[in-house]
Amino acid sequence: MSDETYLAEMGTRIWALRKKKKLRQDQLGFARSQISSIESGDRNCCILTLKRIAEKLGCQVVDLLPY
């Protein structure tokens, strides 16, 4: 899997979980532009960012990662 595909799939997972929880992008604790870039697969983020996003979504970091 290419890096671009991996980031896009991770972003889709974050987007889907956020929608399921009925949260807005700004409710994840980051700027909307940052979350938008992550969800669209345009931004590579660090593990601590993923940890914070997972905490807000009520899941584990592994749930955000494509297999």
C-alpha atoms as a PDB file:
ATOM      1  CA  MET A   1       0.000   0.000   0.000  1.00  0.00           C
ATOM      2  CA  SER A   2       1.402   3.395  -0.922  1.00  0.00           C
ATOM      3  CA  ASP A   3       1.858   6.120   1.680  1.00  0.00           C
ATOM      4  CA  GLU A   4      -0.830   8.217  -0.004  1.00  0.00           C
ATOM      5  CA  THR A   5      -3.332   5.365   0.081  1.00  0.00           C
ATOM      6  CA  TYR A   6      -2.523   4.608   3.714  1.00  0.00           C
ATOM      7  CA  LEU A   7      -3.093   8.242   4.762  1.00  0.00           C
ATOM      8  CA  ALA A   8      -6.324   8.417   2.749  1.00  0.00           C
ATOM      9  CA  GLU A   9      -7.677   5.236   4.355  1.00  0.00           C
ATOM     10  CA  MET A  10      -6.707   6.436   7.831  1.00  0.00           C
ATOM     11  CA  GLY A  11      -8.448   9.738   7.145  1.00  0.00           C
ATOM     12  CA  THR A  12     -11.573   7.935   6.009  1.00  0.00           C
ATOM     13  CA  ARG A  13     -11.602   5.908   9.241  1.00  0.00           C
ATOM     14  CA  ILE A  14     -11.270   9.068  11.346  1.00  0.00           C
ATOM     15  CA  TRP A  15     -14.023  10.777   9.341  1.00  0.00           C
ATOM     16  CA  ALA A  16     -16.375   7.773   9.682  1.00  0.00           C
ATOM     17  CA  LEU A  17     -15.832   7.461  13.443  1.00  0.00           C
ATOM     18  CA  ARG A  18     -16.308  11.211  13.916  1.00  0.00           C
ATOM     19  CA  LYS A  19     -19.559  11.125  11.943  1.00  0.00           C
ATOM     20  CA  LYS A  20     -20.752   8.076  13.911  1.00  0.00           C
ATOM     21  CA  LYS A  21     -20.153  10.006  17.153  1.00  0.00           C
ATOM     22  CA  LYS A  22     -21.869  13.071  15.626  1.00  0.00           C
ATOM     23  CA  LEU A  23     -18.879  15.294  16.370  1.00  0.00           C
ATOM     24  CA  ARG A  24     -17.769  18.356  14.435  1.00  0.00           C
ATOM     25  CA  GLN A  25     -14.151  18.663  13.351  1.00  0.00           C
ATOM     26  CA  ASP A  26     -13.459  21.398  15.908  1.00  0.00           C
ATOM     27  CA  GLN A  27     -14.663  19.116  18.713  1.00  0.00           C
ATOM     28  CA  LEU A  28     -11.606  16.898  18.259  1.00  0.00           C
ATOM     29  CA  GLY A  29      -9.372  19.509  19.898  1.00  0.00           C
ATOM     30  CA  PHE A  30      -7.520  20.701  16.810  1.00  0.00           C
ATOM     31  CA  ALA A  31      -8.060  23.394  14.219  1.00  0.00           C
ATOM     32  CA  ARG A  32     -10.695  22.415  11.670  1.00  0.00           C
ATOM     33  CA  SER A  33      -8.167  22.877   8.883  1.00  0.00           C
ATOM     34  CA  GLN A  34      -5.808  20.369  10.522  1.00  0.00           C
ATOM     35  CA  ILE A  35      -8.529  17.729  10.982  1.00  0.00           C
ATOM     36  CA  SER A  36      -9.771  18.358   7.460  1.00  0.00           C
ATOM     37  CA  SER A  37      -6.263  17.763   6.087  1.00  0.00           C
ATOM     38  CA  ILE A  38      -5.913  14.554   8.111  1.00  0.00           C
ATOM     39  CA  GLU A  39      -9.349  13.260   7.081  1.00  0.00           C
ATOM     40  CA  SER A  40      -8.662  13.952   3.416  1.00  0.00           C
ATOM     41  CA  GLY A  41      -5.304  12.159   3.580  1.00  0.00           C
ATOM     42  CA  ASP A  42      -3.317  15.308   2.813  1.00  0.00           C
ATOM     43  CA  ARG A  43      -1.521  15.455   6.163  1.00  0.00           C
ATOM     44  CA  ASN A  44       0.716  12.948   7.883  1.00  0.00           C
ATOM     45  CA  CYS A  45       0.332  13.352  11.647  1.00  0.00           C
ATOM     46  CA  CYS A  46       2.355  12.160  14.603  1.00  0.00           C
ATOM     47  CA  ILE A  47       1.334   9.346  16.926  1.00  0.00           C
ATOM     48  CA  LEU A  48       0.455  11.777  19.737  1.00  0.00           C
ATOM     49  CA  THR A  49      -2.009  13.539  17.448  1.00  0.00           C
ATOM     50  CA  LEU A  50      -3.591  10.181  16.637  1.00  0.00           C
ATOM     51  CA  LYS A  51      -3.710   9.385  20.359  1.00  0.00           C
ATOM     52  CA  ARG A  52      -5.601  12.609  21.088  1.00  0.00           C
ATOM     53  CA  ILE A  53      -8.000  12.032  18.203  1.00  0.00           C
ATOM     54  CA  ALA A  54      -8.643   8.456  19.358  1.00  0.00           C
ATOM     55  CA  GLU A  55      -9.348   9.664  22.903  1.00  0.00           C
ATOM     56  CA  LYS A  56     -11.908  12.176  21.611  1.00  0.00           C
ATOM     57  CA  LEU A  57     -13.520   9.484  19.457  1.00  0.00           C
ATOM     58  CA  GLY A  58     -13.583   6.970  22.327  1.00  0.00           C
ATOM     59  CA  CYS A  59     -11.470   4.386  20.554  1.00  0.00           C
ATOM     60  CA  GLN A  60      -7.916   3.056  20.386  1.00  0.00           C
ATOM     61  CA  VAL A  61      -5.257   4.383  18.003  1.00  0.00           C
ATOM     62  CA  VAL A  62      -5.236   0.996  16.261  1.00  0.00           C
ATOM     63  CA  ASP A  63      -8.888   1.566  15.296  1.00  0.00           C
ATOM     64  CA  LEU A  64      -7.789   4.549  13.196  1.00  0.00           C
ATOM     65  CA  LEU A  65      -5.135   2.655  11.238  1.00  0.00           C
ATOM     66  CA  PRO A  66      -5.743   0.692   8.047  1.00  0.00           C
ATOM     67  CA  TYR A  67      -4.671  -2.925   8.255  1.00  0.00           C
END
